[in-house]
Amino acid sequence: MTMDLSSIAAASMNYHAGSLMQAVSISMLKEGMEAQEVAAQQMIDMIQQSAPPVEPGRLLDVRV
């Protein structure tokens, strides 16, 4: 089984193209995760700011 130079070059190019596509996909996924992390932190901050302050006995009905 012999491979000529052009088939070796084509195989190498395909391998490197696949590696590049995988690296780009991973980079895009990381950017998406970072954006979701920022959005989640903003939502947590918003919820914490909108929650009423906790005072002892305020949220518990202690009437007898």
PDB file of N, CA and C in Angstrom:
ATOM      1  N   MET A   1       0.849  -1.162   0.000  1.00  0.00           N
ATOM      2  CA  MET A   1       0.000   0.000   0.000  1.00  0.00           C
ATOM      3  C   MET A   1       0.902   1.235   0.000  1.00  0.00           C
ATOM      4  N   THR A   2       0.774   1.996  -1.013  1.00  0.00           N
ATOM      5  CA  THR A   2       1.592   3.198  -1.099  1.00  0.00           C
ATOM      6  C   THR A   2       0.682   4.419  -1.165  1.00  0.00           C
ATOM      7  N   MET A   3       1.122   5.451  -0.514  1.00  0.00           N
ATOM      8  CA  MET A   3       0.385   6.713  -0.545  1.00  0.00           C
ATOM      9  C   MET A   3       1.251   7.727  -1.269  1.00  0.00           C
ATOM     10  N   ASP A   4       0.667   8.400  -2.201  1.00  0.00           N
ATOM     11  CA  ASP A   4       1.447   9.425  -2.876  1.00  0.00           C
ATOM     12  C   ASP A   4       1.440  10.705  -2.048  1.00  0.00           C
ATOM     13  N   LEU A   5       2.253  11.626  -2.446  1.00  0.00           N
ATOM     14  CA  LEU A   5       2.454  12.861  -1.699  1.00  0.00           C
ATOM     15  C   LEU A   5       1.163  13.676  -1.579  1.00  0.00           C
ATOM     16  N   SER A   6       0.362  13.701  -2.629  1.00  0.00           N
ATOM     17  CA  SER A   6      -0.863  14.509  -2.587  1.00  0.00           C
ATOM     18  C   SER A   6      -1.870  13.940  -1.600  1.00  0.00           C
ATOM     19  N   SER A   7      -1.961  12.630  -1.452  1.00  0.00           N
ATOM     20  CA  SER A   7      -2.904  12.053  -0.495  1.00  0.00           C
ATOM     21  C   SER A   7      -2.423  12.279   0.939  1.00  0.00           C
ATOM     22  N   ILE A   8      -1.134  12.273   1.145  1.00  0.00           N
ATOM     23  CA  ILE A   8      -0.588  12.565   2.476  1.00  0.00           C
ATOM     24  C   ILE A   8      -0.864  14.026   2.826  1.00  0.00           C
ATOM     25  N   ALA A   9      -0.657  14.909   1.874  1.00  0.00           N
ATOM     26  CA  ALA A   9      -0.918  16.334   2.107  1.00  0.00           C
ATOM     27  C   ALA A   9      -2.403  16.569   2.368  1.00  0.00           C
ATOM     28  N   ALA A  10      -3.269  15.900   1.620  1.00  0.00           N
ATOM     29  CA  ALA A  10      -4.711  16.047   1.807  1.00  0.00           C
ATOM     30  C   ALA A  10      -5.123  15.536   3.196  1.00  0.00           C
ATOM     31  N   ALA A  11      -4.573  14.420   3.616  1.00  0.00           N
ATOM     32  CA  ALA A  11      -4.889  13.874   4.933  1.00  0.00           C
ATOM     33  C   ALA A  11      -4.432  14.836   6.028  1.00  0.00           C
ATOM     34  N   SER A  12      -3.266  15.414   5.856  1.00  0.00           N
ATOM     35  CA  SER A  12      -2.750  16.369   6.834  1.00  0.00           C
ATOM     36  C   SER A  12      -3.623  17.619   6.896  1.00  0.00           C
ATOM     37  N   MET A  13      -4.031  18.111   5.733  1.00  0.00           N
ATOM     38  CA  MET A  13      -4.889  19.295   5.704  1.00  0.00           C
ATOM     39  C   MET A  13      -6.238  19.010   6.355  1.00  0.00           C
ATOM     40  N   ASN A  14      -6.796  17.846   6.098  1.00  0.00           N
ATOM     41  CA  ASN A  14      -8.074  17.474   6.718  1.00  0.00           C
ATOM     42  C   ASN A  14      -7.945  17.386   8.227  1.00  0.00           C
ATOM     43  N   TYR A  15      -6.858  16.813   8.682  1.00  0.00           N
ATOM     44  CA  TYR A  15      -6.631  16.692  10.126  1.00  0.00           C
ATOM     45  C   TYR A  15      -6.533  18.067  10.775  1.00  0.00           C
ATOM     46  N   HIS A  16      -5.755  18.955  10.183  1.00  0.00           N
ATOM     47  CA  HIS A  16      -5.567  20.283  10.754  1.00  0.00           C
ATOM     48  C   HIS A  16      -6.838  21.131  10.654  1.00  0.00           C
ATOM     49  N   ALA A  17      -7.587  20.958   9.586  1.00  0.00           N
ATOM     50  CA  ALA A  17      -8.866  21.675   9.460  1.00  0.00           C
ATOM     51  C   ALA A  17      -9.825  21.215  10.549  1.00  0.00           C
ATOM     52  N   GLY A  18      -9.855  19.907  10.806  1.00  0.00           N
ATOM     53  CA  GLY A  18     -10.708  19.376  11.874  1.00  0.00           C
ATOM     54  C   GLY A  18     -10.273  19.880  13.239  1.00  0.00           C
ATOM     55  N   SER A  19      -8.978  19.954  13.452  1.00  0.00           N
ATOM     56  CA  SER A  19      -8.465  20.464  14.731  1.00  0.00           C
ATOM     57  C   SER A  19      -8.829  21.930  14.912  1.00  0.00           C
ATOM     58  N   LEU A  20      -8.735  22.706  13.850  1.00  0.00           N
ATOM     59  CA  LEU A  20      -9.087  24.123  13.909  1.00  0.00           C
ATOM     60  C   LEU A  20     -10.580  24.295  14.192  1.00  0.00           C
ATOM     61  N   MET A  21     -11.419  23.514  13.520  1.00  0.00           N
ATOM     62  CA  MET A  21     -12.858  23.604  13.745  1.00  0.00           C
ATOM     63  C   MET A  21     -13.205  23.261  15.193  1.00  0.00           C
ATOM     64  N   GLN A  22     -12.528  22.268  15.743  1.00  0.00           N
ATOM     65  CA  GLN A  22     -12.772  21.888  17.131  1.00  0.00           C
ATOM     66  C   GLN A  22     -12.329  23.007  18.075  1.00  0.00           C
ATOM     67  N   ALA A  23     -11.204  23.616  17.824  1.00  0.00           N
ATOM     68  CA  ALA A  23     -10.713  24.708  18.673  1.00  0.00           C
ATOM     69  C   ALA A  23     -11.658  25.905  18.612  1.00  0.00           C
ATOM     70  N   VAL A  24     -12.171  26.220  17.433  1.00  0.00           N
ATOM     71  CA  VAL A  24     -13.115  27.335  17.291  1.00  0.00           C
ATOM     72  C   VAL A  24     -14.401  27.026  18.039  1.00  0.00           C
ATOM     73  N   SER A  25     -14.893  25.802  17.929  1.00  0.00           N
ATOM     74  CA  SER A  25     -16.116  25.407  18.627  1.00  0.00           C
ATOM     75  C   SER A  25     -15.950  25.516  20.131  1.00  0.00           C
ATOM     76  N   ILE A  26     -14.829  25.065  20.638  1.00  0.00           N
ATOM     77  CA  ILE A  26     -14.573  25.144  22.081  1.00  0.00           C
ATOM     78  C   ILE A  26     -14.494  26.598  22.530  1.00  0.00           C
ATOM     79  N   SER A  27     -13.841  27.424  21.742  1.00  0.00           N
ATOM     80  CA  SER A  27     -13.733  28.845  22.076  1.00  0.00           C
ATOM     81  C   SER A  27     -15.108  29.502  22.108  1.00  0.00           C
ATOM     82  N   MET A  28     -15.963  29.184  21.149  1.00  0.00           N
ATOM     83  CA  MET A  28     -17.305  29.757  21.120  1.00  0.00           C
ATOM     84  C   MET A  28     -18.132  29.276  22.300  1.00  0.00           C
ATOM     85  N   LEU A  29     -17.990  28.018  22.670  1.00  0.00           N
ATOM     86  CA  LEU A  29     -18.710  27.492  23.832  1.00  0.00           C
ATOM     87  C   LEU A  29     -18.257  28.192  25.109  1.00  0.00           C
ATOM     88  N   LYS A  30     -16.953  28.432  25.233  1.00  0.00           N
ATOM     89  CA  LYS A  30     -16.443  29.139  26.408  1.00  0.00           C
ATOM     90  C   LYS A  30     -17.011  30.548  26.491  1.00  0.00           C
ATOM     91  N   GLU A  31     -17.078  31.238  25.358  1.00  0.00           N
ATOM     92  CA  GLU A  31     -17.648  32.587  25.348  1.00  0.00           C
ATOM     93  C   GLU A  31     -19.112  32.556  25.765  1.00  0.00           C
ATOM     94  N   GLY A  32     -19.843  31.567  25.280  1.00  0.00           N
ATOM     95  CA  GLY A  32     -21.241  31.422  25.655  1.00  0.00           C
ATOM     96  C   GLY A  32     -21.407  31.143  27.144  1.00  0.00           C
ATOM     97  N   MET A  33     -20.541  30.307  27.682  1.00  0.00           N
ATOM     98  CA  MET A  33     -20.595  30.008  29.116  1.00  0.00           C
ATOM     99  C   MET A  33     -20.286  31.254  29.942  1.00  0.00           C
ATOM    100  N   GLU A  34     -19.308  32.034  29.513  1.00  0.00           N
ATOM    101  CA  GLU A  34     -18.967  33.260  30.232  1.00  0.00           C
ATOM    102  C   GLU A  34     -20.127  34.251  30.201  1.00  0.00           C
ATOM    103  N   ALA A  35     -20.806  34.352  29.058  1.00  0.00           N
ATOM    104  CA  ALA A  35     -21.955  35.250  28.959  1.00  0.00           C
ATOM    105  C   ALA A  35     -23.077  34.786  29.880  1.00  0.00           C
ATOM    106  N   GLN A  36     -23.306  33.488  29.960  1.00  0.00           N
ATOM    107  CA  GLN A  36     -24.336  32.950  30.846  1.00  0.00           C
ATOM    108  C   GLN A  36     -23.969  33.179  32.306  1.00  0.00           C
ATOM    109  N   GLU A  37     -22.687  33.078  32.614  1.00  0.00           N
ATOM    110  CA  GLU A  37     -22.230  33.321  33.981  1.00  0.00           C
ATOM    111  C   GLU A  37     -22.493  34.774  34.391  1.00  0.00           C
ATOM    112  N   VAL A  38     -22.216  35.704  33.498  1.00  0.00           N
ATOM    113  CA  VAL A  38     -22.458  37.123  33.772  1.00  0.00           C
ATOM    114  C   VAL A  38     -23.956  37.367  33.958  1.00  0.00           C
ATOM    115  N   ALA A  39     -24.768  36.790  33.066  1.00  0.00           N
ATOM    116  CA  ALA A  39     -26.219  36.971  33.162  1.00  0.00           C
ATOM    117  C   ALA A  39     -26.754  36.389  34.462  1.00  0.00           C
ATOM    118  N   ALA A  40     -26.255  35.224  34.857  1.00  0.00           N
ATOM    119  CA  ALA A  40     -26.701  34.600  36.103  1.00  0.00           C
ATOM    120  C   ALA A  40     -26.314  35.450  37.315  1.00  0.00           C
ATOM    121  N   GLN A  41     -25.107  36.001  37.307  1.00  0.00           N
ATOM    122  CA  GLN A  41     -24.673  36.838  38.422  1.00  0.00           C
ATOM    123  C   GLN A  41     -25.511  38.105  38.499  1.00  0.00           C
ATOM    124  N   GLN A  42     -25.845  38.683  37.345  1.00  0.00           N
ATOM    125  CA  GLN A  42     -26.695  39.869  37.331  1.00  0.00           C
ATOM    126  C   GLN A  42     -28.081  39.545  37.880  1.00  0.00           C
ATOM    127  N   MET A  43     -28.608  38.377  37.543  1.00  0.00           N
ATOM    128  CA  MET A  43     -29.914  37.985  38.047  1.00  0.00           C
ATOM    129  C   MET A  43     -29.873  37.761  39.560  1.00  0.00           C
ATOM    130  N   ILE A  44     -28.819  37.143  40.046  1.00  0.00           N
ATOM    131  CA  ILE A  44     -28.663  36.932  41.492  1.00  0.00           C
ATOM    132  C   ILE A  44     -28.599  38.275  42.210  1.00  0.00           C
ATOM    133  N   ASP A  45     -27.818  39.204  41.663  1.00  0.00           N
ATOM    134  CA  ASP A  45     -27.719  40.536  42.269  1.00  0.00           C
ATOM    135  C   ASP A  45     -29.079  41.237  42.290  1.00  0.00           C
ATOM    136  N   MET A  46     -29.818  41.127  41.183  1.00  0.00           N
ATOM    137  CA  MET A  46     -31.126  41.764  41.099  1.00  0.00           C
ATOM    138  C   MET A  46     -32.094  41.167  42.132  1.00  0.00           C
ATOM    139  N   ILE A  47     -32.066  39.859  42.277  1.00  0.00           N
ATOM    140  CA  ILE A  47     -32.948  39.202  43.251  1.00  0.00           C
ATOM    141  C   ILE A  47     -32.585  39.619  44.670  1.00  0.00           C
ATOM    142  N   GLN A  48     -31.303  39.675  44.959  1.00  0.00           N
ATOM    143  CA  GLN A  48     -30.870  40.065  46.302  1.00  0.00           C
ATOM    144  C   GLN A  48     -31.263  41.508  46.609  1.00  0.00           C
ATOM    145  N   GLN A  49     -31.214  42.381  45.618  1.00  0.00           N
ATOM    146  CA  GLN A  49     -31.577  43.781  45.835  1.00  0.00           C
ATOM    147  C   GLN A  49     -33.081  43.959  45.985  1.00  0.00           C
ATOM    148  N   SER A  50     -33.862  43.108  45.341  1.00  0.00           N
ATOM    149  CA  SER A  50     -35.311  43.272  45.391  1.00  0.00           C
ATOM    150  C   SER A  50     -35.947  42.554  46.574  1.00  0.00           C
ATOM    151  N   ALA A  51     -35.210  41.672  47.239  1.00  0.00           N
ATOM    152  CA  ALA A  51     -35.752  40.943  48.386  1.00  0.00           C
ATOM    153  C   ALA A  51     -35.876  41.890  49.577  1.00  0.00           C
ATOM    154  N   PRO A  52     -36.968  41.753  50.341  1.00  0.00           N
ATOM    155  CA  PRO A  52     -37.103  42.618  51.523  1.00  0.00           C
ATOM    156  C   PRO A  52     -36.057  42.251  52.574  1.00  0.00           C
ATOM    157  N   PRO A  53     -35.656  43.223  53.385  1.00  0.00           N
ATOM    158  CA  PRO A  53     -34.677  42.906  54.425  1.00  0.00           C
ATOM    159  C   PRO A  53     -35.287  41.927  55.430  1.00  0.00           C
ATOM    160  N   VAL A  54     -34.475  41.049  55.918  1.00  0.00           N
ATOM    161  CA  VAL A  54     -34.941  40.040  56.875  1.00  0.00           C
ATOM    162  C   VAL A  54     -34.796  40.595  58.282  1.00  0.00           C
ATOM    163  N   GLU A  55     -35.918  40.655  58.973  1.00  0.00           N
ATOM    164  CA  GLU A  55     -35.935  41.104  60.354  1.00  0.00           C
ATOM    165  C   GLU A  55     -36.522  39.969  61.193  1.00  0.00           C
ATOM    166  N   PRO A  56     -35.960  39.720  62.356  1.00  0.00           N
ATOM    167  CA  PRO A  56     -36.475  38.630  63.180  1.00  0.00           C
ATOM    168  C   PRO A  56     -37.963  38.829  63.491  1.00  0.00           C
ATOM    169  N   GLY A  57     -38.763  37.800  63.232  1.00  0.00           N
ATOM    170  CA  GLY A  57     -40.178  37.838  63.530  1.00  0.00           C
ATOM    171  C   GLY A  57     -41.031  38.509  62.478  1.00  0.00           C
ATOM    172  N   ARG A  58     -40.429  39.111  61.478  1.00  0.00           N
ATOM    173  CA  ARG A  58     -41.189  39.840  60.472  1.00  0.00           C
ATOM    174  C   ARG A  58     -41.957  38.907  59.551  1.00  0.00           C
ATOM    175  N   LEU A  59     -41.375  37.800  59.172  1.00  0.00           N
ATOM    176  CA  LEU A  59     -41.991  36.897  58.236  1.00  0.00           C
ATOM    177  C   LEU A  59     -42.708  35.736  58.910  1.00  0.00           C
ATOM    178  N   LEU A  60     -42.733  35.694  60.206  1.00  0.00           N
ATOM    179  CA  LEU A  60     -43.347  34.592  60.951  1.00  0.00           C
ATOM    180  C   LEU A  60     -44.531  35.125  61.727  1.00  0.00           C
ATOM    181  N   ASP A  61     -45.694  34.523  61.521  1.00  0.00           N
ATOM    182  CA  ASP A  61     -46.896  34.938  62.242  1.00  0.00           C
ATOM    183  C   ASP A  61     -46.845  34.297  63.623  1.00  0.00           C
ATOM    184  N   VAL A  62     -46.640  35.126  64.648  1.00  0.00           N
ATOM    185  CA  VAL A  62     -46.491  34.595  66.003  1.00  0.00           C
ATOM    186  C   VAL A  62     -47.697  34.916  66.889  1.00  0.00           C
ATOM    187  N   ARG A  63     -48.815  35.281  66.279  1.00  0.00           N
ATOM    188  CA  ARG A  63     -50.009  35.566  67.066  1.00  0.00           C
ATOM    189  C   ARG A  63     -50.548  34.283  67.666  1.00  0.00           C
ATOM    190  N   VAL A  64     -51.023  34.391  68.897  1.00  0.00           N
ATOM    191  CA  VAL A  64     -51.568  33.210  69.581  1.00  0.00           C
ATOM    192  C   VAL A  64     -53.043  33.398  69.822  1.00  0.00           C
TER     193      VAL A  64
END
